[in-house]
Amino acid sequence: MVDLIIRSGHILDGTGAPARKGDIAVQEGKIVEITDSIDMHAEHEWNAAGKYVSPGFIDIHTHSDFSLLANRFAESSVRQGITTLVTGNCGHGPAPSPDRELGKQVTIGYSENFNTDFGWDHFAEYLDDLFSPGLSVNVA
């Protein structure tokens, strides 16, 4: 028995091939089988009939460098099927920035209610803060 089976979805595999109807089996977070019909049961089964199933999308131009510190769920991205965010665009990177007040002022979407300590002397310190509690998306 596998953890999850997504049944009867229109599967888009990311290769450019046309969608095909089928089932997907997932075990321990990894796809273990994609076929027309899986003849087994799973702990969880999702009916995807009439829906499309695809790999996660990559958003190659985000300004989520700071917002991910405030909202680690990144719900606005995840609800669109985005699983990877590319940050550091347009020269608005968060680090290094030893001037805490200046860092706040140049932040896109900054709010005074944003309870994150701005200012990292080294980029590695920012990455430690970003990844320490975990995120719901991948970040590049």
N, C-alpha and C. Protein backbone atom coordinates (compact mmCIF):
# COMPACT_ATOMS: atom_id res chain seq x y z
N MET A 1 0.85 -1.17 0.00
CA MET A 1 0.00 0.00 0.00
C MET A 1 0.89 1.24 0.00
N VAL A 2 0.48 2.25 -0.78
CA VAL A 2 1.22 3.51 -0.85
C VAL A 2 0.51 4.57 -0.02
N ASP A 3 1.16 5.71 0.17
CA ASP A 3 0.59 6.78 0.99
C ASP A 3 -0.57 7.48 0.30
N LEU A 4 -0.43 7.72 -1.01
CA LEU A 4 -1.41 8.52 -1.74
C LEU A 4 -1.55 8.02 -3.16
N ILE A 5 -2.79 7.97 -3.64
CA ILE A 5 -3.05 7.75 -5.06
C ILE A 5 -3.94 8.90 -5.55
N ILE A 6 -3.49 9.55 -6.60
CA ILE A 6 -4.29 10.57 -7.29
C ILE A 6 -4.90 9.86 -8.48
N ARG A 7 -6.22 9.76 -8.50
CA ARG A 7 -6.91 8.94 -9.49
C ARG A 7 -7.60 9.76 -10.58
N SER A 8 -7.52 9.24 -11.79
CA SER A 8 -8.32 9.69 -12.94
C SER A 8 -8.08 11.13 -13.35
N GLY A 9 -6.90 11.66 -13.07
CA GLY A 9 -6.58 13.03 -13.47
C GLY A 9 -6.06 13.09 -14.88
N HIS A 10 -6.12 14.27 -15.47
CA HIS A 10 -5.48 14.52 -16.76
C HIS A 10 -4.05 14.92 -16.43
N ILE A 11 -3.12 14.02 -16.69
CA ILE A 11 -1.73 14.20 -16.24
C ILE A 11 -0.92 14.95 -17.30
N LEU A 12 -0.34 16.06 -16.88
CA LEU A 12 0.61 16.82 -17.68
C LEU A 12 1.98 16.55 -17.08
N ASP A 13 2.87 15.94 -17.85
CA ASP A 13 4.14 15.50 -17.26
C ASP A 13 5.28 16.51 -17.40
N GLY A 14 5.02 17.65 -18.02
CA GLY A 14 6.07 18.66 -18.14
C GLY A 14 6.95 18.51 -19.36
N THR A 15 6.72 17.48 -20.18
CA THR A 15 7.55 17.26 -21.36
C THR A 15 7.00 17.94 -22.60
N GLY A 16 5.77 18.45 -22.52
CA GLY A 16 5.11 19.02 -23.69
C GLY A 16 4.18 18.04 -24.36
N ALA A 17 4.18 16.80 -23.89
CA ALA A 17 3.26 15.79 -24.44
C ALA A 17 1.83 16.14 -24.05
N PRO A 18 0.85 15.70 -24.85
CA PRO A 18 -0.54 15.97 -24.48
C PRO A 18 -0.89 15.32 -23.14
N ALA A 19 -1.86 15.91 -22.46
CA ALA A 19 -2.33 15.33 -21.19
C ALA A 19 -2.89 13.94 -21.45
N ARG A 20 -2.71 13.06 -20.48
CA ARG A 20 -3.31 11.72 -20.58
C ARG A 20 -3.98 11.39 -19.27
N LYS A 21 -5.08 10.67 -19.34
CA LYS A 21 -5.81 10.31 -18.13
C LYS A 21 -5.08 9.16 -17.45
N GLY A 22 -4.95 9.26 -16.13
CA GLY A 22 -4.27 8.19 -15.41
C GLY A 22 -4.25 8.42 -13.92
N ASP A 23 -3.52 7.52 -13.25
CA ASP A 23 -3.37 7.54 -11.80
C ASP A 23 -1.90 7.76 -11.45
N ILE A 24 -1.68 8.35 -10.29
CA ILE A 24 -0.32 8.60 -9.79
C ILE A 24 -0.24 8.07 -8.36
N ALA A 25 0.77 7.24 -8.09
CA ALA A 25 1.00 6.72 -6.73
C ALA A 25 2.18 7.45 -6.11
N VAL A 26 2.00 7.84 -4.83
CA VAL A 26 3.04 8.57 -4.10
C VAL A 26 3.35 7.83 -2.81
N GLN A 27 4.64 7.63 -2.55
CA GLN A 27 5.10 6.97 -1.32
C GLN A 27 6.20 7.83 -0.71
N GLU A 28 6.02 8.21 0.55
CA GLU A 28 7.00 9.02 1.27
C GLU A 28 7.40 10.28 0.50
N GLY A 29 6.39 10.95 -0.10
CA GLY A 29 6.62 12.20 -0.79
C GLY A 29 7.20 12.09 -2.18
N LYS A 30 7.37 10.87 -2.70
CA LYS A 30 7.94 10.69 -4.03
C LYS A 30 6.97 9.92 -4.92
N ILE A 31 6.88 10.34 -6.17
CA ILE A 31 6.05 9.62 -7.14
C ILE A 31 6.72 8.28 -7.42
N VAL A 32 5.98 7.19 -7.25
CA VAL A 32 6.54 5.86 -7.48
C VAL A 32 5.92 5.16 -8.68
N GLU A 33 4.78 5.68 -9.17
CA GLU A 33 4.16 5.06 -10.33
C GLU A 33 3.19 6.04 -10.98
N ILE A 34 3.23 6.07 -12.32
CA ILE A 34 2.24 6.80 -13.12
C ILE A 34 1.78 5.83 -14.19
N THR A 35 0.50 5.54 -14.21
CA THR A 35 -0.03 4.58 -15.17
C THR A 35 -1.51 4.86 -15.42
N ASP A 36 -2.09 4.13 -16.36
CA ASP A 36 -3.50 4.34 -16.70
C ASP A 36 -4.42 4.08 -15.52
N SER A 37 -4.13 3.01 -14.77
CA SER A 37 -4.98 2.65 -13.63
C SER A 37 -4.15 1.87 -12.62
N ILE A 38 -4.12 2.33 -11.39
CA ILE A 38 -3.38 1.66 -10.33
C ILE A 38 -4.34 0.77 -9.57
N ASP A 39 -4.00 -0.52 -9.51
CA ASP A 39 -4.88 -1.51 -8.88
C ASP A 39 -4.40 -1.80 -7.45
N MET A 40 -4.49 -0.80 -6.60
CA MET A 40 -4.18 -0.97 -5.18
C MET A 40 -4.86 0.16 -4.43
N HIS A 41 -4.82 0.08 -3.14
CA HIS A 41 -5.41 1.13 -2.31
C HIS A 41 -4.29 1.91 -1.63
N ALA A 42 -4.64 3.09 -1.15
CA ALA A 42 -3.68 3.94 -0.47
C ALA A 42 -4.30 4.48 0.80
N GLU A 43 -3.45 4.94 1.69
CA GLU A 43 -3.93 5.56 2.91
C GLU A 43 -4.83 6.76 2.58
N HIS A 44 -4.44 7.52 1.55
CA HIS A 44 -5.24 8.66 1.08
C HIS A 44 -5.44 8.50 -0.42
N GLU A 45 -6.66 8.78 -0.89
CA GLU A 45 -6.94 8.73 -2.32
C GLU A 45 -7.68 10.00 -2.71
N TRP A 46 -7.19 10.65 -3.75
CA TRP A 46 -7.82 11.88 -4.25
C TRP A 46 -8.42 11.60 -5.61
N ASN A 47 -9.65 12.00 -5.81
CA ASN A 47 -10.31 11.87 -7.10
C ASN A 47 -10.03 13.14 -7.91
N ALA A 48 -9.24 13.00 -8.96
CA ALA A 48 -8.87 14.15 -9.79
C ALA A 48 -9.63 14.16 -11.11
N ALA A 49 -10.72 13.40 -11.21
CA ALA A 49 -11.50 13.35 -12.44
C ALA A 49 -11.91 14.77 -12.85
N GLY A 50 -11.67 15.09 -14.12
CA GLY A 50 -12.00 16.41 -14.63
C GLY A 50 -11.01 17.49 -14.26
N LYS A 51 -9.91 17.11 -13.59
CA LYS A 51 -8.90 18.08 -13.17
C LYS A 51 -7.55 17.73 -13.81
N TYR A 52 -6.67 18.72 -13.85
CA TYR A 52 -5.33 18.50 -14.38
C TYR A 52 -4.34 18.35 -13.24
N VAL A 53 -3.39 17.45 -13.42
CA VAL A 53 -2.34 17.19 -12.44
C VAL A 53 -1.01 17.45 -13.14
N SER A 54 -0.17 18.28 -12.54
CA SER A 54 1.09 18.63 -13.18
C SER A 54 2.18 18.77 -12.14
N PRO A 55 3.44 18.80 -12.60
CA PRO A 55 4.52 19.12 -11.67
C PRO A 55 4.34 20.55 -11.18
N GLY A 56 4.98 20.89 -10.08
CA GLY A 56 4.91 22.25 -9.56
C GLY A 56 5.55 23.23 -10.53
N PHE A 57 5.04 24.46 -10.52
CA PHE A 57 5.56 25.50 -11.40
C PHE A 57 6.67 26.27 -10.69
N ILE A 58 7.57 26.84 -11.49
CA ILE A 58 8.66 27.66 -10.97
C ILE A 58 8.37 29.11 -11.35
N ASP A 59 8.30 29.99 -10.38
CA ASP A 59 8.13 31.42 -10.62
C ASP A 59 9.52 32.03 -10.64
N ILE A 60 9.99 32.41 -11.84
CA ILE A 60 11.38 32.83 -11.99
C ILE A 60 11.63 34.28 -11.62
N HIS A 61 10.57 35.04 -11.31
CA HIS A 61 10.79 36.45 -10.96
C HIS A 61 9.86 36.84 -9.83
N THR A 62 10.34 36.70 -8.61
CA THR A 62 9.54 37.08 -7.45
C THR A 62 10.28 38.13 -6.64
N HIS A 63 9.56 38.76 -5.76
CA HIS A 63 10.15 39.67 -4.78
C HIS A 63 9.76 39.17 -3.40
N SER A 64 9.95 37.88 -3.20
CA SER A 64 9.53 37.22 -1.96
C SER A 64 10.64 37.13 -0.93
N ASP A 65 11.76 37.78 -1.18
CA ASP A 65 12.92 37.69 -0.29
C ASP A 65 12.54 37.99 1.16
N PHE A 66 11.73 39.02 1.36
CA PHE A 66 11.32 39.42 2.71
C PHE A 66 10.00 38.80 3.12
N SER A 67 9.04 38.73 2.19
CA SER A 67 7.71 38.26 2.56
C SER A 67 7.72 36.81 3.03
N LEU A 68 8.67 36.01 2.56
CA LEU A 68 8.76 34.62 3.03
C LEU A 68 9.12 34.54 4.50
N LEU A 69 9.80 35.56 5.01
CA LEU A 69 10.12 35.59 6.43
C LEU A 69 8.87 35.85 7.27
N ALA A 70 7.91 36.56 6.70
CA ALA A 70 6.67 36.88 7.42
C ALA A 70 5.60 35.83 7.21
N ASN A 71 5.58 35.22 6.03
CA ASN A 71 4.57 34.22 5.71
C ASN A 71 5.24 33.02 5.06
N ARG A 72 5.65 32.08 5.86
CA ARG A 72 6.39 30.91 5.38
C ARG A 72 5.53 29.94 4.59
N PHE A 73 4.20 30.12 4.65
CA PHE A 73 3.31 29.22 3.91
C PHE A 73 3.23 29.60 2.43
N ALA A 74 3.53 30.84 2.09
CA ALA A 74 3.50 31.32 0.70
C ALA A 74 2.22 30.90 -0.01
N GLU A 75 1.10 31.05 0.69
CA GLU A 75 -0.18 30.54 0.18
C GLU A 75 -0.54 31.10 -1.19
N SER A 76 -0.26 32.37 -1.45
CA SER A 76 -0.63 32.94 -2.75
C SER A 76 0.10 32.23 -3.89
N SER A 77 1.28 31.72 -3.64
CA SER A 77 2.02 30.97 -4.65
C SER A 77 1.54 29.53 -4.72
N VAL A 78 1.44 28.88 -3.59
CA VAL A 78 1.06 27.47 -3.54
C VAL A 78 -0.31 27.25 -4.18
N ARG A 79 -1.25 28.15 -3.95
CA ARG A 79 -2.60 28.01 -4.52
C ARG A 79 -2.59 28.12 -6.04
N GLN A 80 -1.52 28.66 -6.61
CA GLN A 80 -1.39 28.74 -8.06
C GLN A 80 -0.58 27.57 -8.63
N GLY A 81 -0.15 26.66 -7.77
CA GLY A 81 0.64 25.53 -8.23
C GLY A 81 2.12 25.81 -8.27
N ILE A 82 2.54 26.93 -7.72
CA ILE A 82 3.96 27.29 -7.72
C ILE A 82 4.63 26.62 -6.53
N THR A 83 5.69 25.87 -6.81
CA THR A 83 6.41 25.16 -5.75
C THR A 83 7.84 25.66 -5.57
N THR A 84 8.32 26.48 -6.51
CA THR A 84 9.67 27.03 -6.41
C THR A 84 9.64 28.52 -6.74
N LEU A 85 10.24 29.33 -5.87
CA LEU A 85 10.33 30.78 -6.07
C LEU A 85 11.79 31.16 -6.28
N VAL A 86 12.06 31.93 -7.33
CA VAL A 86 13.39 32.46 -7.55
C VAL A 86 13.39 33.89 -7.02
N THR A 87 14.28 34.17 -6.09
CA THR A 87 14.33 35.48 -5.44
C THR A 87 15.59 36.23 -5.86
N GLY A 88 15.76 37.43 -5.31
CA GLY A 88 16.97 38.21 -5.58
C GLY A 88 16.91 38.98 -6.89
N ASN A 89 15.71 39.24 -7.39
CA ASN A 89 15.56 39.94 -8.66
C ASN A 89 15.60 41.45 -8.49
N CYS A 90 15.96 42.16 -9.54
CA CYS A 90 15.91 43.63 -9.63
C CYS A 90 16.82 44.33 -8.62
N GLY A 91 17.78 43.64 -8.06
CA GLY A 91 18.69 44.28 -7.13
C GLY A 91 18.10 44.58 -5.76
N HIS A 92 16.96 43.99 -5.46
CA HIS A 92 16.31 44.21 -4.16
C HIS A 92 16.60 43.07 -3.20
N GLY A 93 17.81 42.58 -3.18
CA GLY A 93 18.16 41.49 -2.28
C GLY A 93 18.24 41.96 -0.84
N PRO A 94 18.03 41.06 0.07
CA PRO A 94 17.97 41.41 1.49
C PRO A 94 19.31 41.52 2.20
N ALA A 95 20.34 40.98 1.61
CA ALA A 95 21.60 40.91 2.34
C ALA A 95 22.77 40.98 1.36
N PRO A 96 23.92 41.44 1.82
CA PRO A 96 24.17 41.98 3.15
C PRO A 96 23.58 43.38 3.28
N SER A 97 23.14 43.69 4.46
CA SER A 97 22.53 44.98 4.75
C SER A 97 22.67 45.28 6.23
N PRO A 98 23.84 45.74 6.66
CA PRO A 98 24.05 45.98 8.09
C PRO A 98 23.23 47.14 8.65
N ASP A 99 22.73 48.05 7.78
CA ASP A 99 21.92 49.18 8.25
C ASP A 99 20.47 48.71 8.37
N ARG A 100 20.03 48.41 9.58
CA ARG A 100 18.70 47.84 9.82
C ARG A 100 17.57 48.74 9.32
N GLU A 101 17.67 50.05 9.57
CA GLU A 101 16.59 50.96 9.16
C GLU A 101 16.53 51.11 7.65
N LEU A 102 17.68 51.21 7.00
CA LEU A 102 17.69 51.32 5.55
C LEU A 102 17.13 50.05 4.93
N GLY A 103 17.48 48.91 5.48
CA GLY A 103 16.94 47.65 4.99
C GLY A 103 15.42 47.63 5.02
N LYS A 104 14.84 48.16 6.06
CA LYS A 104 13.38 48.22 6.16
C LYS A 104 12.79 49.16 5.11
N GLN A 105 13.43 50.31 4.93
CA GLN A 105 12.89 51.34 4.05
C GLN A 105 12.89 50.93 2.58
N VAL A 106 13.85 50.13 2.16
CA VAL A 106 13.92 49.75 0.75
C VAL A 106 13.18 48.45 0.45
N THR A 107 12.58 47.88 1.44
CA THR A 107 11.88 46.62 1.25
C THR A 107 10.56 46.83 0.52
N ILE A 108 10.36 46.09 -0.54
CA ILE A 108 9.10 46.15 -1.27
C ILE A 108 8.00 45.56 -0.41
N GLY A 109 6.95 46.32 -0.20
CA GLY A 109 5.83 45.83 0.60
C GLY A 109 6.06 45.91 2.09
N TYR A 110 7.04 46.69 2.52
CA TYR A 110 7.35 46.78 3.95
C TYR A 110 6.17 47.31 4.74
N SER A 111 5.96 46.74 5.89
CA SER A 111 4.94 47.20 6.83
C SER A 111 5.60 47.40 8.18
N GLU A 112 5.18 48.41 8.92
CA GLU A 112 5.74 48.63 10.26
C GLU A 112 5.41 47.48 11.20
N ASN A 113 4.40 46.69 10.85
CA ASN A 113 4.00 45.55 11.69
C ASN A 113 4.80 44.29 11.37
N PHE A 114 5.75 44.41 10.48
CA PHE A 114 6.56 43.27 10.06
C PHE A 114 7.58 42.98 11.15
N ASN A 115 7.39 41.91 11.89
CA ASN A 115 8.22 41.63 13.07
C ASN A 115 9.41 40.74 12.75
N THR A 116 10.21 41.15 11.82
CA THR A 116 11.42 40.42 11.49
C THR A 116 12.60 41.36 11.66
N ASP A 117 13.66 40.84 12.23
CA ASP A 117 14.87 41.63 12.41
C ASP A 117 15.55 41.80 11.06
N PHE A 118 15.52 43.01 10.53
CA PHE A 118 16.17 43.28 9.27
C PHE A 118 17.64 43.53 9.51
N GLY A 119 18.42 43.26 8.52
CA GLY A 119 19.83 43.55 8.58
C GLY A 119 20.65 42.31 8.84
N TRP A 120 21.32 41.88 7.81
CA TRP A 120 22.20 40.73 7.92
C TRP A 120 23.56 41.17 7.38
N ASP A 121 24.58 41.00 8.18
CA ASP A 121 25.92 41.41 7.75
C ASP A 121 26.44 40.53 6.62
N HIS A 122 25.97 39.31 6.56
CA HIS A 122 26.41 38.36 5.54
C HIS A 122 25.20 37.65 4.96
N PHE A 123 25.27 37.32 3.70
CA PHE A 123 24.14 36.65 3.04
C PHE A 123 23.82 35.32 3.71
N ALA A 124 24.82 34.63 4.20
CA ALA A 124 24.60 33.34 4.87
C ALA A 124 23.70 33.50 6.10
N GLU A 125 23.80 34.63 6.79
CA GLU A 125 22.93 34.87 7.95
C GLU A 125 21.47 34.98 7.52
N TYR A 126 21.23 35.66 6.40
CA TYR A 126 19.87 35.76 5.87
C TYR A 126 19.34 34.37 5.52
N LEU A 127 20.16 33.57 4.84
CA LEU A 127 19.73 32.22 4.47
C LEU A 127 19.42 31.38 5.70
N ASP A 128 20.23 31.51 6.74
CA ASP A 128 19.95 30.79 7.99
C ASP A 128 18.58 31.17 8.54
N ASP A 129 18.26 32.47 8.56
CA ASP A 129 16.95 32.92 9.03
C ASP A 129 15.83 32.41 8.13
N LEU A 130 16.06 32.47 6.83
CA LEU A 130 15.03 32.06 5.88
C LEU A 130 14.69 30.59 6.02
N PHE A 131 15.70 29.74 6.12
CA PHE A 131 15.46 28.30 6.08
C PHE A 131 15.34 27.64 7.45
N SER A 132 15.64 28.33 8.53
CA SER A 132 15.66 27.67 9.84
C SER A 132 14.33 27.04 10.24
N PRO A 133 13.19 27.72 10.15
CA PRO A 133 11.93 27.06 10.55
C PRO A 133 11.29 26.27 9.41
N GLY A 134 11.82 26.34 8.21
CA GLY A 134 11.24 25.61 7.09
C GLY A 134 10.25 26.46 6.31
N LEU A 135 10.06 26.10 5.06
CA LEU A 135 9.17 26.81 4.16
C LEU A 135 8.26 25.82 3.45
N SER A 136 7.16 26.33 2.90
CA SER A 136 6.25 25.46 2.16
C SER A 136 6.63 25.39 0.69
N VAL A 137 7.62 26.17 0.26
CA VAL A 137 8.06 26.19 -1.13
C VAL A 137 9.57 26.04 -1.18
N ASN A 138 10.08 25.73 -2.36
CA ASN A 138 11.51 25.73 -2.59
C ASN A 138 11.92 27.15 -2.96
N VAL A 139 13.13 27.55 -2.62
CA VAL A 139 13.62 28.89 -2.92
C VAL A 139 14.97 28.78 -3.61
N ALA A 140 15.10 29.52 -4.72
CA ALA A 140 16.37 29.56 -5.45
C ALA A 140 16.85 30.99 -5.49
